[in-house]
Amino acid sequence: MEHVHYAAAKAGMIGFTKIISQRGRYEYGITCNCVAPGPITTQLTGEVSKEWLDAKAKELVIPRFGTVEEVVPSAVFLASEPDGNLYTGQTLGPNLGDVML
C-alpha cells in the first residue's frame, strides 16, 4: 500500500489522456498522448536515501535510473509530424523495465 496514491494518480492521467484523445480529435483535430517514465534522476531523487535508490535500481530490468534527456525523445516523437500522427490515446513508457501492474 506504499504507493497507492501514485498508482491512482498515474491511472487517472492515463484515463484522462484516452478521453481527451477521443474528444480532441473530433472537436479540434488534435491528438493526445502520455509519457509515463519509470525511475528518472531528478531533484526529487536527491531527497531519497541512497539505500532506497540502490534497492530500486536492482529491481529494474535495466538496473539504473534514467535521465530526463533519455525521456525527451519520446515526447518529441509523439509531438512530431509526420512521425507521431498515428498515435492518439497512447501511453509510452520509457521505464527501464519498471512495470506497474
Protein backbone atom coordinates (compact mmCIF):
# COMPACT_ATOMS: atom_id res chain seq x y z
CA MET A 1 0.00 0.00 0.00
CA GLU A 2 3.08 2.21 -0.01
CA HIS A 3 2.43 3.77 -3.43
CA VAL A 4 -1.37 3.68 -3.70
CA HIS A 5 -1.61 7.43 -4.22
CA TYR A 6 0.97 7.32 -7.03
CA ALA A 7 -0.74 4.41 -8.79
CA ALA A 8 -4.13 6.14 -8.57
CA ALA A 9 -2.77 9.41 -9.94
CA LYS A 10 -0.96 7.66 -12.82
CA ALA A 11 -4.07 5.64 -13.73
CA GLY A 12 -6.08 8.86 -13.67
CA MET A 13 -3.68 10.58 -16.07
CA ILE A 14 -3.71 7.62 -18.46
CA GLY A 15 -7.53 7.56 -18.42
CA PHE A 16 -7.67 11.33 -18.88
CA THR A 17 -5.34 11.02 -21.89
CA LYS A 18 -7.65 8.48 -23.52
CA ILE A 19 -10.75 10.64 -23.05
CA ILE A 20 -9.05 13.82 -24.27
CA SER A 21 -7.72 11.96 -27.31
CA GLN A 22 -11.26 10.97 -28.29
CA ARG A 23 -12.81 14.38 -27.67
CA GLY A 24 -9.89 16.38 -29.02
CA ARG A 25 -9.79 14.60 -32.36
CA TYR A 26 -13.48 15.00 -33.07
CA GLU A 27 -13.84 18.56 -31.87
CA TYR A 28 -10.43 20.10 -32.55
CA GLY A 29 -8.44 17.77 -34.83
CA ILE A 30 -5.68 17.12 -32.27
CA THR A 31 -4.04 14.06 -30.78
CA CYS A 32 -3.32 13.46 -27.10
CA ASN A 33 -0.79 11.03 -25.67
CA CYS A 34 1.01 10.38 -22.41
CA VAL A 35 4.62 9.69 -21.50
CA ALA A 36 4.89 7.66 -18.28
CA PRO A 37 8.57 7.26 -17.45
CA GLY A 38 9.95 4.94 -14.85
CA PRO A 39 12.58 5.97 -12.29
CA ILE A 40 14.32 9.13 -13.51
CA THR A 41 17.11 11.05 -11.83
CA THR A 42 15.71 14.47 -10.88
CA GLN A 43 15.95 16.91 -7.99
CA LEU A 44 13.44 14.74 -6.11
CA THR A 45 15.74 11.72 -6.18
CA GLY A 46 18.27 13.85 -4.32
CA GLU A 47 15.88 13.77 -1.36
CA VAL A 48 15.70 9.96 -1.22
CA SER A 49 18.21 7.79 0.61
CA LYS A 50 21.00 6.14 -1.36
CA GLU A 51 19.89 2.79 0.07
CA TRP A 52 16.41 3.19 -1.40
CA LEU A 53 17.80 4.33 -4.77
CA ASP A 54 20.18 1.36 -4.91
CA ALA A 55 17.43 -1.10 -3.97
CA LYS A 56 15.07 0.36 -6.60
CA ALA A 57 17.73 0.18 -9.31
CA LYS A 58 18.27 -3.52 -8.53
CA GLU A 59 14.54 -4.18 -9.16
CA LEU A 60 14.74 -2.82 -12.73
CA VAL A 61 15.37 -4.87 -15.86
CA ILE A 62 17.83 -2.13 -16.85
CA PRO A 63 19.34 -1.65 -13.37
CA ARG A 64 19.78 2.12 -13.23
CA PHE A 65 17.72 5.29 -13.18
CA GLY A 66 17.08 7.09 -16.43
CA THR A 67 17.71 10.75 -17.19
CA VAL A 68 15.40 13.49 -18.37
CA GLU A 69 17.42 13.64 -21.59
CA GLU A 70 16.55 10.00 -22.26
CA VAL A 71 12.82 10.62 -21.87
CA VAL A 72 12.63 13.75 -24.04
CA PRO A 73 12.83 11.84 -27.38
CA SER A 74 9.57 10.02 -26.50
CA ALA A 75 7.75 13.33 -26.11
CA VAL A 76 9.35 14.78 -29.23
CA PHE A 77 8.36 11.69 -31.21
CA LEU A 78 4.71 11.97 -30.15
CA ALA A 79 4.65 15.69 -30.97
CA SER A 80 6.42 15.38 -34.32
CA GLU A 81 4.89 15.36 -37.75
CA PRO A 82 4.52 13.05 -39.54
CA ASP A 83 6.08 10.53 -37.11
CA GLY A 84 3.59 10.97 -34.27
CA ASN A 85 0.48 11.44 -36.41
CA LEU A 86 -0.83 7.90 -35.98
CA TYR A 87 -0.66 7.95 -32.19
CA THR A 88 -3.52 9.12 -30.03
CA GLY A 89 -4.73 7.92 -26.66
CA GLN A 90 -1.44 6.07 -26.14
CA THR A 91 0.97 5.87 -23.25
CA LEU A 92 4.67 5.45 -23.95
CA GLY A 93 6.57 4.02 -21.02
CA PRO A 94 10.33 4.58 -21.11
CA ASN A 95 10.53 2.77 -17.78
CA LEU A 96 13.70 0.65 -17.68
CA GLY A 97 11.50 -2.41 -17.14
CA ASP A 98 9.72 -0.98 -14.09
CA VAL A 99 6.21 -2.07 -14.99
CA MET A 100 3.19 -1.21 -12.86
CA LEU A 101 0.58 -3.96 -12.91
